[in-house]
Amino acid sequence: MDRIKLNDQQPEFVFTGSEERMNVEILKVILKEPLPGKPLLLQILDENNFLLYEKFLIPKKSDPIAVRFTSDPEIPINKRFIFHAFLKLCVLAPDDLPYSVEVEFS
């Protein structure tokens, strides 16, 4: 598993296709500095800027008896994307407010 950090200054990451990597599975998004009351938006776009996937990053209330390895809210994604040239992952904030997230993928 790998992680990338995105924020309001660097809101996107590009996965480049090669013989070794032509797919990626986005496992989860960890909200390091979430926006109070306003959800972030995750978008996955292909090389033609076609929207493949979109999800508002709204953390669910955690179960009080659940074992947590971190205090940061996590949003599960668990989606695999197959691509040829590249795949662009974007996290967008309303009103260009500051934020920080980590995206875990394999």
PDB file of N, CA and C in Angstrom:
ATOM      1  N   MET A   1       0.833  -1.175   0.000  1.00  0.00           N
ATOM      2  CA  MET A   1       0.000   0.000   0.000  1.00  0.00           C
ATOM      3  C   MET A   1       0.881   1.243   0.000  1.00  0.00           C
ATOM      4  N   ASP A   2       0.447   2.204  -0.763  1.00  0.00           N
ATOM      5  CA  ASP A   2       1.143   3.484  -0.839  1.00  0.00           C
ATOM      6  C   ASP A   2       0.180   4.587  -0.436  1.00  0.00           C
ATOM      7  N   ARG A   3       0.761   5.738  -0.101  1.00  0.00           N
ATOM      8  CA  ARG A   3      -0.059   6.904   0.256  1.00  0.00           C
ATOM      9  C   ARG A   3       0.468   8.134  -0.455  1.00  0.00           C
ATOM     10  N   ILE A   4      -0.473   8.985  -0.825  1.00  0.00           N
ATOM     11  CA  ILE A   4      -0.120  10.292  -1.358  1.00  0.00           C
ATOM     12  C   ILE A   4      -0.830  11.344  -0.522  1.00  0.00           C
ATOM     13  N   LYS A   5      -0.222  12.503  -0.400  1.00  0.00           N
ATOM     14  CA  LYS A   5      -0.824  13.605   0.345  1.00  0.00           C
ATOM     15  C   LYS A   5      -1.301  14.652  -0.640  1.00  0.00           C
ATOM     16  N   LEU A   6      -2.534  15.080  -0.448  1.00  0.00           N
ATOM     17  CA  LEU A   6      -3.104  16.141  -1.267  1.00  0.00           C
ATOM     18  C   LEU A   6      -3.617  17.240  -0.339  1.00  0.00           C
ATOM     19  N   ASN A   7      -3.604  18.458  -0.848  1.00  0.00           N
ATOM     20  CA  ASN A   7      -4.125  19.589  -0.076  1.00  0.00           C
ATOM     21  C   ASN A   7      -4.614  20.664  -1.026  1.00  0.00           C
ATOM     22  N   ASP A   8      -5.004  21.800  -0.463  1.00  0.00           N
ATOM     23  CA  ASP A   8      -5.543  22.878  -1.292  1.00  0.00           C
ATOM     24  C   ASP A   8      -4.503  23.447  -2.243  1.00  0.00           C
ATOM     25  N   GLN A   9      -3.208  23.298  -1.929  1.00  0.00           N
ATOM     26  CA  GLN A   9      -2.154  23.779  -2.816  1.00  0.00           C
ATOM     27  C   GLN A   9      -1.814  22.774  -3.911  1.00  0.00           C
ATOM     28  N   GLN A  10      -1.979  21.492  -3.618  1.00  0.00           N
ATOM     29  CA  GLN A  10      -1.727  20.408  -4.570  1.00  0.00           C
ATOM     30  C   GLN A  10      -2.931  19.461  -4.534  1.00  0.00           C
ATOM     31  N   PRO A  11      -4.004  19.801  -5.269  1.00  0.00           N
ATOM     32  CA  PRO A  11      -5.251  19.039  -5.160  1.00  0.00           C
ATOM     33  C   PRO A  11      -5.351  17.806  -6.056  1.00  0.00           C
ATOM     34  N   GLU A  12      -4.329  17.521  -6.866  1.00  0.00           N
ATOM     35  CA  GLU A  12      -4.457  16.368  -7.766  1.00  0.00           C
ATOM     36  C   GLU A  12      -3.157  15.568  -7.847  1.00  0.00           C
ATOM     37  N   PHE A  13      -3.325  14.302  -8.255  1.00  0.00           N
ATOM     38  CA  PHE A  13      -2.211  13.391  -8.450  1.00  0.00           C
ATOM     39  C   PHE A  13      -2.499  12.591  -9.708  1.00  0.00           C
ATOM     40  N   VAL A  14      -1.466  12.338 -10.503  1.00  0.00           N
ATOM     41  CA  VAL A  14      -1.629  11.613 -11.761  1.00  0.00           C
ATOM     42  C   VAL A  14      -0.890  10.279 -11.667  1.00  0.00           C
ATOM     43  N   PHE A  15      -1.626   9.187 -11.881  1.00  0.00           N
ATOM     44  CA  PHE A  15      -1.037   7.859 -11.999  1.00  0.00           C
ATOM     45  C   PHE A  15      -0.705   7.659 -13.470  1.00  0.00           C
ATOM     46  N   THR A  16       0.548   7.360 -13.782  1.00  0.00           N
ATOM     47  CA  THR A  16       0.977   7.187 -15.163  1.00  0.00           C
ATOM     48  C   THR A  16       1.038   5.705 -15.483  1.00  0.00           C
ATOM     49  N   GLY A  17       0.494   5.336 -16.646  1.00  0.00           N
ATOM     50  CA  GLY A  17       0.491   3.943 -17.070  1.00  0.00           C
ATOM     51  C   GLY A  17       1.851   3.488 -17.566  1.00  0.00           C
ATOM     52  N   SER A  18       2.178   2.230 -17.261  1.00  0.00           N
ATOM     53  CA  SER A  18       3.400   1.601 -17.749  1.00  0.00           C
ATOM     54  C   SER A  18       3.122   0.112 -17.856  1.00  0.00           C
ATOM     55  N   GLU A  19       4.110  -0.653 -18.315  1.00  0.00           N
ATOM     56  CA  GLU A  19       3.914  -2.102 -18.402  1.00  0.00           C
ATOM     57  C   GLU A  19       3.665  -2.712 -17.034  1.00  0.00           C
ATOM     58  N   GLU A  20       4.287  -2.142 -15.998  1.00  0.00           N
ATOM     59  CA  GLU A  20       4.124  -2.662 -14.645  1.00  0.00           C
ATOM     60  C   GLU A  20       2.814  -2.228 -14.005  1.00  0.00           C
ATOM     61  N   ARG A  21       2.346  -1.040 -14.347  1.00  0.00           N
ATOM     62  CA  ARG A  21       1.149  -0.509 -13.687  1.00  0.00           C
ATOM     63  C   ARG A  21       0.177   0.047 -14.713  1.00  0.00           C
ATOM     64  N   MET A  22      -0.955  -0.618 -14.849  1.00  0.00           N
ATOM     65  CA  MET A  22      -2.031  -0.117 -15.703  1.00  0.00           C
ATOM     66  C   MET A  22      -3.357  -0.153 -14.961  1.00  0.00           C
ATOM     67  N   ASN A  23      -3.272  -0.297 -13.620  1.00  0.00           N
ATOM     68  CA  ASN A  23      -4.474  -0.216 -12.802  1.00  0.00           C
ATOM     69  C   ASN A  23      -4.065   0.256 -11.421  1.00  0.00           C
ATOM     70  N   VAL A  24      -5.028   0.778 -10.710  1.00  0.00           N
ATOM     71  CA  VAL A  24      -4.798   1.239  -9.341  1.00  0.00           C
ATOM     72  C   VAL A  24      -6.083   1.014  -8.560  1.00  0.00           C
ATOM     73  N   GLU A  25      -5.931   0.625  -7.305  1.00  0.00           N
ATOM     74  CA  GLU A  25      -7.080   0.485  -6.420  1.00  0.00           C
ATOM     75  C   GLU A  25      -6.977   1.557  -5.346  1.00  0.00           C
ATOM     76  N   ILE A  26      -7.978   2.438  -5.325  1.00  0.00           N
ATOM     77  CA  ILE A  26      -8.047   3.474  -4.303  1.00  0.00           C
ATOM     78  C   ILE A  26      -8.731   2.837  -3.097  1.00  0.00           C
ATOM     79  N   LEU A  27      -8.007   2.724  -1.997  1.00  0.00           N
ATOM     80  CA  LEU A  27      -8.528   2.030  -0.825  1.00  0.00           C
ATOM     81  C   LEU A  27      -9.330   2.942   0.094  1.00  0.00           C
ATOM     82  N   LYS A  28      -8.726   4.083   0.468  1.00  0.00           N
ATOM     83  CA  LYS A  28      -9.431   4.994   1.370  1.00  0.00           C
ATOM     84  C   LYS A  28      -8.810   6.371   1.318  1.00  0.00           C
ATOM     85  N   VAL A  29      -9.567   7.335   1.846  1.00  0.00           N
ATOM     86  CA  VAL A  29      -9.096   8.706   1.983  1.00  0.00           C
ATOM     87  C   VAL A  29      -9.123   9.032   3.473  1.00  0.00           C
ATOM     88  N   ILE A  30      -8.004   9.542   3.970  1.00  0.00           N
ATOM     89  CA  ILE A  30      -7.879   9.904   5.378  1.00  0.00           C
ATOM     90  C   ILE A  30      -7.899  11.431   5.463  1.00  0.00           C
ATOM     91  N   LEU A  31      -8.841  11.966   6.212  1.00  0.00           N
ATOM     92  CA  LEU A  31      -8.974  13.414   6.348  1.00  0.00           C
ATOM     93  C   LEU A  31      -8.046  13.906   7.445  1.00  0.00           C
ATOM     94  N   LYS A  32      -6.973  14.568   7.059  1.00  0.00           N
ATOM     95  CA  LYS A  32      -6.015  15.104   8.023  1.00  0.00           C
ATOM     96  C   LYS A  32      -6.468  16.458   8.556  1.00  0.00           C
ATOM     97  N   GLU A  33      -6.929  17.318   7.663  1.00  0.00           N
ATOM     98  CA  GLU A  33      -7.475  18.631   8.040  1.00  0.00           C
ATOM     99  C   GLU A  33      -8.794  18.799   7.307  1.00  0.00           C
ATOM    100  N   PRO A  34      -9.871  18.210   7.837  1.00  0.00           N
ATOM    101  CA  PRO A  34     -11.162  18.308   7.149  1.00  0.00           C
ATOM    102  C   PRO A  34     -11.767  19.702   7.294  1.00  0.00           C
ATOM    103  N   LEU A  35     -12.719  19.972   6.449  1.00  0.00           N
ATOM    104  CA  LEU A  35     -13.444  21.225   6.513  1.00  0.00           C
ATOM    105  C   LEU A  35     -14.627  21.067   7.457  1.00  0.00           C
ATOM    106  N   PRO A  36     -14.831  21.989   8.362  1.00  0.00           N
ATOM    107  CA  PRO A  36     -15.966  21.863   9.278  1.00  0.00           C
ATOM    108  C   PRO A  36     -17.286  22.089   8.550  1.00  0.00           C
ATOM    109  N   GLY A  37     -18.098  21.048   8.521  1.00  0.00           N
ATOM    110  CA  GLY A  37     -19.439  21.177   7.952  1.00  0.00           C
ATOM    111  C   GLY A  37     -19.530  21.164   6.440  1.00  0.00           C
ATOM    112  N   LYS A  38     -18.402  21.121   5.731  1.00  0.00           N
ATOM    113  CA  LYS A  38     -18.437  21.129   4.268  1.00  0.00           C
ATOM    114  C   LYS A  38     -17.635  19.939   3.750  1.00  0.00           C
ATOM    115  N   PRO A  39     -18.265  19.054   2.962  1.00  0.00           N
ATOM    116  CA  PRO A  39     -17.536  17.876   2.487  1.00  0.00           C
ATOM    117  C   PRO A  39     -16.613  18.188   1.309  1.00  0.00           C
ATOM    118  N   LEU A  40     -15.507  17.469   1.255  1.00  0.00           N
ATOM    119  CA  LEU A  40     -14.618  17.508   0.101  1.00  0.00           C
ATOM    120  C   LEU A  40     -15.185  16.584  -0.966  1.00  0.00           C
ATOM    121  N   LEU A  41     -14.731  16.733  -2.193  1.00  0.00           N
ATOM    122  CA  LEU A  41     -15.204  15.921  -3.303  1.00  0.00           C
ATOM    123  C   LEU A  41     -14.029  15.214  -3.950  1.00  0.00           C
ATOM    124  N   LEU A  42     -14.107  13.880  -4.036  1.00  0.00           N
ATOM    125  CA  LEU A  42     -13.099  13.075  -4.715  1.00  0.00           C
ATOM    126  C   LEU A  42     -13.567  12.819  -6.134  1.00  0.00           C
ATOM    127  N   GLN A  43     -12.682  13.062  -7.109  1.00  0.00           N
ATOM    128  CA  GLN A  43     -12.987  12.781  -8.515  1.00  0.00           C
ATOM    129  C   GLN A  43     -11.844  11.975  -9.122  1.00  0.00           C
ATOM    130  N   ILE A  44     -12.217  10.991  -9.952  1.00  0.00           N
ATOM    131  CA  ILE A  44     -11.258  10.204 -10.713  1.00  0.00           C
ATOM    132  C   ILE A  44     -11.574  10.444 -12.186  1.00  0.00           C
ATOM    133  N   LEU A  45     -10.567  10.911 -12.951  1.00  0.00           N
ATOM    134  CA  LEU A  45     -10.747  11.233 -14.369  1.00  0.00           C
ATOM    135  C   LEU A  45      -9.770  10.422 -15.207  1.00  0.00           C
ATOM    136  N   ASP A  46     -10.190  10.046 -16.419  1.00  0.00           N
ATOM    137  CA  ASP A  46      -9.284   9.320 -17.312  1.00  0.00           C
ATOM    138  C   ASP A  46      -8.469  10.301 -18.148  1.00  0.00           C
ATOM    139  N   GLU A  47      -7.684   9.771 -19.097  1.00  0.00           N
ATOM    140  CA  GLU A  47      -6.798  10.616 -19.899  1.00  0.00           C
ATOM    141  C   GLU A  47      -7.535  11.581 -20.821  1.00  0.00           C
ATOM    142  N   ASN A  48      -8.816  11.345 -21.043  1.00  0.00           N
ATOM    143  CA  ASN A  48      -9.634  12.252 -21.856  1.00  0.00           C
ATOM    144  C   ASN A  48     -10.449  13.206 -20.998  1.00  0.00           C
ATOM    145  N   ASN A  49     -10.113  13.300 -19.715  1.00  0.00           N
ATOM    146  CA  ASN A  49     -10.827  14.137 -18.751  1.00  0.00           C
ATOM    147  C   ASN A  49     -12.277  13.700 -18.559  1.00  0.00           C
ATOM    148  N   PHE A  50     -12.539  12.424 -18.811  1.00  0.00           N
ATOM    149  CA  PHE A  50     -13.872  11.857 -18.603  1.00  0.00           C
ATOM    150  C   PHE A  50     -13.985  11.420 -17.150  1.00  0.00           C
ATOM    151  N   LEU A  51     -15.057  11.846 -16.494  1.00  0.00           N
ATOM    152  CA  LEU A  51     -15.268  11.528 -15.095  1.00  0.00           C
ATOM    153  C   LEU A  51     -15.636  10.053 -14.940  1.00  0.00           C
ATOM    154  N   LEU A  52     -14.783   9.295 -14.234  1.00  0.00           N
ATOM    155  CA  LEU A  52     -15.024   7.871 -14.007  1.00  0.00           C
ATOM    156  C   LEU A  52     -15.715   7.612 -12.673  1.00  0.00           C
ATOM    157  N   TYR A  53     -15.404   8.442 -11.680  1.00  0.00           N
ATOM    158  CA  TYR A  53     -15.921   8.199 -10.336  1.00  0.00           C
ATOM    159  C   TYR A  53     -15.935   9.516  -9.572  1.00  0.00           C
ATOM    160  N   GLU A  54     -16.944   9.663  -8.721  1.00  0.00           N
ATOM    161  CA  GLU A  54     -17.074  10.878  -7.921  1.00  0.00           C
ATOM    162  C   GLU A  54     -17.724  10.504  -6.595  1.00  0.00           C
ATOM    163  N   LYS A  55     -17.184  11.047  -5.499  1.00  0.00           N
ATOM    164  CA  LYS A  55     -17.759  10.749  -4.184  1.00  0.00           C
ATOM    165  C   LYS A  55     -17.480  11.902  -3.237  1.00  0.00           C
ATOM    166  N   PHE A  56     -18.527  12.319  -2.492  1.00  0.00           N
ATOM    167  CA  PHE A  56     -18.332  13.293  -1.429  1.00  0.00           C
ATOM    168  C   PHE A  56     -17.676  12.585  -0.261  1.00  0.00           C
ATOM    169  N   LEU A  57     -16.656  13.203   0.313  1.00  0.00           N
ATOM    170  CA  LEU A  57     -15.891  12.599   1.389  1.00  0.00           C
ATOM    171  C   LEU A  57     -16.501  12.986   2.734  1.00  0.00           C
ATOM    172  N   ILE A  58     -17.521  12.232   3.112  1.00  0.00           N
ATOM    173  CA  ILE A  58     -18.245  12.475   4.359  1.00  0.00           C
ATOM    174  C   ILE A  58     -17.963  11.319   5.303  1.00  0.00           C
ATOM    175  N   PRO A  59     -17.247  11.575   6.400  1.00  0.00           N
ATOM    176  CA  PRO A  59     -16.951  10.474   7.318  1.00  0.00           C
ATOM    177  C   PRO A  59     -18.203  10.033   8.066  1.00  0.00           C
ATOM    178  N   LYS A  60     -18.292   8.731   8.292  1.00  0.00           N
ATOM    179  CA  LYS A  60     -19.404   8.185   9.065  1.00  0.00           C
ATOM    180  C   LYS A  60     -19.020   8.219  10.537  1.00  0.00           C
ATOM    181  N   LYS A  61     -20.021   8.295  11.385  1.00  0.00           N
ATOM    182  CA  LYS A  61     -19.774   8.226  12.827  1.00  0.00           C
ATOM    183  C   LYS A  61     -19.179   6.862  13.139  1.00  0.00           C
ATOM    184  N   SER A  62     -18.122   6.853  13.926  1.00  0.00           N
ATOM    185  CA  SER A  62     -17.498   5.569  14.242  1.00  0.00           C
ATOM    186  C   SER A  62     -18.232   4.894  15.395  1.00  0.00           C
ATOM    187  N   ASP A  63     -18.179   3.601  15.371  1.00  0.00           N
ATOM    188  CA  ASP A  63     -18.766   2.796  16.428  1.00  0.00           C
ATOM    189  C   ASP A  63     -17.936   3.011  17.693  1.00  0.00           C
ATOM    190  N   PRO A  64     -18.556   3.295  18.829  1.00  0.00           N
ATOM    191  CA  PRO A  64     -17.779   3.578  20.039  1.00  0.00           C
ATOM    192  C   PRO A  64     -16.916   2.406  20.507  1.00  0.00           C
ATOM    193  N   ILE A  65     -17.258   1.175  20.107  1.00  0.00           N
ATOM    194  CA  ILE A  65     -16.447   0.035  20.525  1.00  0.00           C
ATOM    195  C   ILE A  65     -15.473  -0.422  19.437  1.00  0.00           C
ATOM    196  N   ALA A  66     -15.423   0.279  18.328  1.00  0.00           N
ATOM    197  CA  ALA A  66     -14.532  -0.091  17.220  1.00  0.00           C
ATOM    198  C   ALA A  66     -13.072   0.209  17.590  1.00  0.00           C
ATOM    199  N   VAL A  67     -12.197  -0.644  17.109  1.00  0.00           N
ATOM    200  CA  VAL A  67     -10.763  -0.418  17.298  1.00  0.00           C
ATOM    201  C   VAL A  67     -10.302   0.548  16.217  1.00  0.00           C
ATOM    202  N   ARG A  68      -9.672   1.643  16.631  1.00  0.00           N
ATOM    203  CA  ARG A  68      -9.212   2.649  15.681  1.00  0.00           C
ATOM    204  C   ARG A  68      -7.698   2.764  15.782  1.00  0.00           C
ATOM    205  N   PHE A  69      -7.048   2.783  14.631  1.00  0.00           N
ATOM    206  CA  PHE A  69      -5.598   2.899  14.594  1.00  0.00           C
ATOM    207  C   PHE A  69      -5.162   4.348  14.439  1.00  0.00           C
ATOM    208  N   THR A  70      -6.088   5.219  14.158  1.00  0.00           N
ATOM    209  CA  THR A  70      -5.788   6.636  13.992  1.00  0.00           C
ATOM    210  C   THR A  70      -6.991   7.443  14.456  1.00  0.00           C
ATOM    211  N   SER A  71      -6.763   8.684  14.831  1.00  0.00           N
ATOM    212  CA  SER A  71      -7.883   9.529  15.246  1.00  0.00           C
ATOM    213  C   SER A  71      -8.461  10.317  14.075  1.00  0.00           C
ATOM    214  N   ASP A  72      -7.817  10.227  12.902  1.00  0.00           N
ATOM    215  CA  ASP A  72      -8.297  10.951  11.724  1.00  0.00           C
ATOM    216  C   ASP A  72      -9.443  10.188  11.071  1.00  0.00           C
ATOM    217  N   PRO A  73     -10.496  10.895  10.651  1.00  0.00           N
ATOM    218  CA  PRO A  73     -11.607  10.220   9.966  1.00  0.00           C
ATOM    219  C   PRO A  73     -11.155   9.606   8.637  1.00  0.00           C
ATOM    220  N   GLU A  74     -11.654   8.413   8.359  1.00  0.00           N
ATOM    221  CA  GLU A  74     -11.318   7.702   7.123  1.00  0.00           C
ATOM    222  C   GLU A  74     -12.589   7.424   6.342  1.00  0.00           C
ATOM    223  N   ILE A  75     -12.500   7.576   5.020  1.00  0.00           N
ATOM    224  CA  ILE A  75     -13.611   7.267   4.133  1.00  0.00           C
ATOM    225  C   ILE A  75     -13.173   6.134   3.223  1.00  0.00           C
ATOM    226  N   PRO A  76     -13.804   4.956   3.335  1.00  0.00           N
ATOM    227  CA  PRO A  76     -13.429   3.846   2.457  1.00  0.00           C
ATOM    228  C   PRO A  76     -13.880   4.102   1.023  1.00  0.00           C
ATOM    229  N   ILE A  77     -13.030   3.756   0.066  1.00  0.00           N
ATOM    230  CA  ILE A  77     -13.354   3.888  -1.359  1.00  0.00           C
ATOM    231  C   ILE A  77     -13.424   2.490  -1.978  1.00  0.00           C
ATOM    232  N   ASN A  78     -12.330   1.734  -1.883  1.00  0.00           N
ATOM    233  CA  ASN A  78     -12.264   0.345  -2.365  1.00  0.00           C
ATOM    234  C   ASN A  78     -12.749   0.175  -3.796  1.00  0.00           C
ATOM    235  N   LYS A  79     -12.185   0.957  -4.700  1.00  0.00           N
ATOM    236  CA  LYS A  79     -12.508   0.888  -6.135  1.00  0.00           C
ATOM    237  C   LYS A  79     -11.232   0.707  -6.934  1.00  0.00           C
ATOM    238  N   ARG A  80     -11.270  -0.200  -7.904  1.00  0.00           N
ATOM    239  CA  ARG A  80     -10.130  -0.435  -8.797  1.00  0.00           C
ATOM    240  C   ARG A  80     -10.424   0.222 -10.140  1.00  0.00           C
ATOM    241  N   PHE A  81      -9.407   0.907 -10.676  1.00  0.00           N
ATOM    242  CA  PHE A  81      -9.527   1.588 -11.956  1.00  0.00           C
ATOM    243  C   PHE A  81      -8.441   1.072 -12.895  1.00  0.00           C
ATOM    244  N   ILE A  82      -8.827   0.745 -14.101  1.00  0.00           N
ATOM    245  CA  ILE A  82      -7.898   0.301 -15.135  1.00  0.00           C
ATOM    246  C   ILE A  82      -7.716   1.462 -16.107  1.00  0.00           C
ATOM    247  N   PHE A  83      -6.467   1.726 -16.497  1.00  0.00           N
ATOM    248  CA  PHE A  83      -6.209   2.863 -17.378  1.00  0.00           C
ATOM    249  C   PHE A  83      -5.076   2.519 -18.324  1.00  0.00           C
ATOM    250  N   HIS A  84      -4.909   3.353 -19.343  1.00  0.00           N
ATOM    251  CA  HIS A  84      -3.858   3.132 -20.341  1.00  0.00           C
ATOM    252  C   HIS A  84      -2.744   4.169 -20.181  1.00  0.00           C
ATOM    253  N   ALA A  85      -3.034   5.413 -20.496  1.00  0.00           N
ATOM    254  CA  ALA A  85      -2.011   6.457 -20.439  1.00  0.00           C
ATOM    255  C   ALA A  85      -1.842   6.993 -19.024  1.00  0.00           C
ATOM    256  N   PHE A  86      -2.915   7.529 -18.469  1.00  0.00           N
ATOM    257  CA  PHE A  86      -2.851   8.024 -17.094  1.00  0.00           C
ATOM    258  C   PHE A  86      -4.247   8.135 -16.501  1.00  0.00           C
ATOM    259  N   LEU A  87      -4.271   8.309 -15.185  1.00  0.00           N
ATOM    260  CA  LEU A  87      -5.499   8.458 -14.413  1.00  0.00           C
ATOM    261  C   LEU A  87      -5.263   9.599 -13.441  1.00  0.00           C
ATOM    262  N   LYS A  88      -6.204  10.535 -13.394  1.00  0.00           N
ATOM    263  CA  LYS A  88      -6.035  11.699 -12.532  1.00  0.00           C
ATOM    264  C   LYS A  88      -6.982  11.613 -11.349  1.00  0.00           C
ATOM    265  N   LEU A  89      -6.432  11.795 -10.150  1.00  0.00           N
ATOM    266  CA  LEU A  89      -7.196  11.797  -8.914  1.00  0.00           C
ATOM    267  C   LEU A  89      -7.210  13.226  -8.391  1.00  0.00           C
ATOM    268  N   CYS A  90      -8.397  13.770  -8.131  1.00  0.00           N
ATOM    269  CA  CYS A  90      -8.535  15.143  -7.645  1.00  0.00           C
ATOM    270  C   CYS A  90      -9.370  15.161  -6.379  1.00  0.00           C
ATOM    271  N   VAL A  91      -8.989  16.021  -5.443  1.00  0.00           N
ATOM    272  CA  VAL A  91      -9.803  16.292  -4.260  1.00  0.00           C
ATOM    273  C   VAL A  91     -10.105  17.783  -4.285  1.00  0.00           C
ATOM    274  N   LEU A  92     -11.388  18.106  -4.338  1.00  0.00           N
ATOM    275  CA  LEU A  92     -11.824  19.493  -4.479  1.00  0.00           C
ATOM    276  C   LEU A  92     -12.530  19.967  -3.211  1.00  0.00           C
ATOM    277  N   ALA A  93     -12.277  21.207  -2.844  1.00  0.00           N
ATOM    278  CA  ALA A  93     -12.902  21.808  -1.665  1.00  0.00           C
ATOM    279  C   ALA A  93     -13.829  22.937  -2.094  1.00  0.00           C
ATOM    280  N   PRO A  94     -14.966  23.105  -1.407  1.00  0.00           N
ATOM    281  CA  PRO A  94     -15.828  24.236  -1.726  1.00  0.00           C
ATOM    282  C   PRO A  94     -15.158  25.549  -1.327  1.00  0.00           C
ATOM    283  N   ASP A  95     -15.344  26.557  -2.120  1.00  0.00           N
ATOM    284  CA  ASP A  95     -14.835  27.905  -1.841  1.00  0.00           C
ATOM    285  C   ASP A  95     -13.322  27.958  -1.664  1.00  0.00           C
ATOM    286  N   ASP A  96     -12.589  26.989  -2.249  1.00  0.00           N
ATOM    287  CA  ASP A  96     -11.121  26.965  -2.170  1.00  0.00           C
ATOM    288  C   ASP A  96     -10.600  27.058  -0.731  1.00  0.00           C
ATOM    289  N   LEU A  97     -11.295  26.423   0.198  1.00  0.00           N
ATOM    290  CA  LEU A  97     -10.873  26.420   1.596  1.00  0.00           C
ATOM    291  C   LEU A  97      -9.688  25.475   1.790  1.00  0.00           C
ATOM    292  N   PRO A  98      -8.825  25.734   2.775  1.00  0.00           N
ATOM    293  CA  PRO A  98      -7.664  24.861   2.997  1.00  0.00           C
ATOM    294  C   PRO A  98      -8.076  23.504   3.569  1.00  0.00           C
ATOM    295  N   TYR A  99      -7.374  22.458   3.153  1.00  0.00           N
ATOM    296  CA  TYR A  99      -7.614  21.104   3.628  1.00  0.00           C
ATOM    297  C   TYR A  99      -6.356  20.280   3.424  1.00  0.00           C
ATOM    298  N   SER A 100      -6.349  19.097   4.014  1.00  0.00           N
ATOM    299  CA  SER A 100      -5.250  18.157   3.837  1.00  0.00           C
ATOM    300  C   SER A 100      -5.805  16.737   3.974  1.00  0.00           C
ATOM    301  N   VAL A 101      -5.456  15.877   3.008  1.00  0.00           N
ATOM    302  CA  VAL A 101      -5.897  14.480   3.032  1.00  0.00           C
ATOM    303  C   VAL A 101      -4.743  13.576   2.622  1.00  0.00           C
ATOM    304  N   GLU A 102      -4.873  12.301   2.958  1.00  0.00           N
ATOM    305  CA  GLU A 102      -3.982  11.282   2.451  1.00  0.00           C
ATOM    306  C   GLU A 102      -4.853  10.245   1.733  1.00  0.00           C
ATOM    307  N   VAL A 103      -4.383   9.825   0.577  1.00  0.00           N
ATOM    308  CA  VAL A 103      -5.107   8.811  -0.205  1.00  0.00           C
ATOM    309  C   VAL A 103      -4.254   7.541  -0.192  1.00  0.00           C
ATOM    310  N   GLU A 104      -4.869   6.451   0.270  1.00  0.00           N
ATOM    311  CA  GLU A 104      -4.170   5.174   0.326  1.00  0.00           C
ATOM    312  C   GLU A 104      -4.593   4.346  -0.885  1.00  0.00           C
ATOM    313  N   PHE A 105      -3.593   3.780  -1.588  1.00  0.00           N
ATOM    314  CA  PHE A 105      -3.880   3.009  -2.801  1.00  0.00           C
ATOM    315  C   PHE A 105      -2.912   1.849  -2.913  1.00  0.00           C
ATOM    316  N   SER A 106      -3.239   0.921  -3.810  1.00  0.00           N
ATOM    317  CA  SER A 106      -2.329  -0.187  -4.084  1.00  0.00           C
ATOM    318  C   SER A 106      -2.312  -0.441  -5.580  1.00  0.00           C
TER     319      SER A 106
END
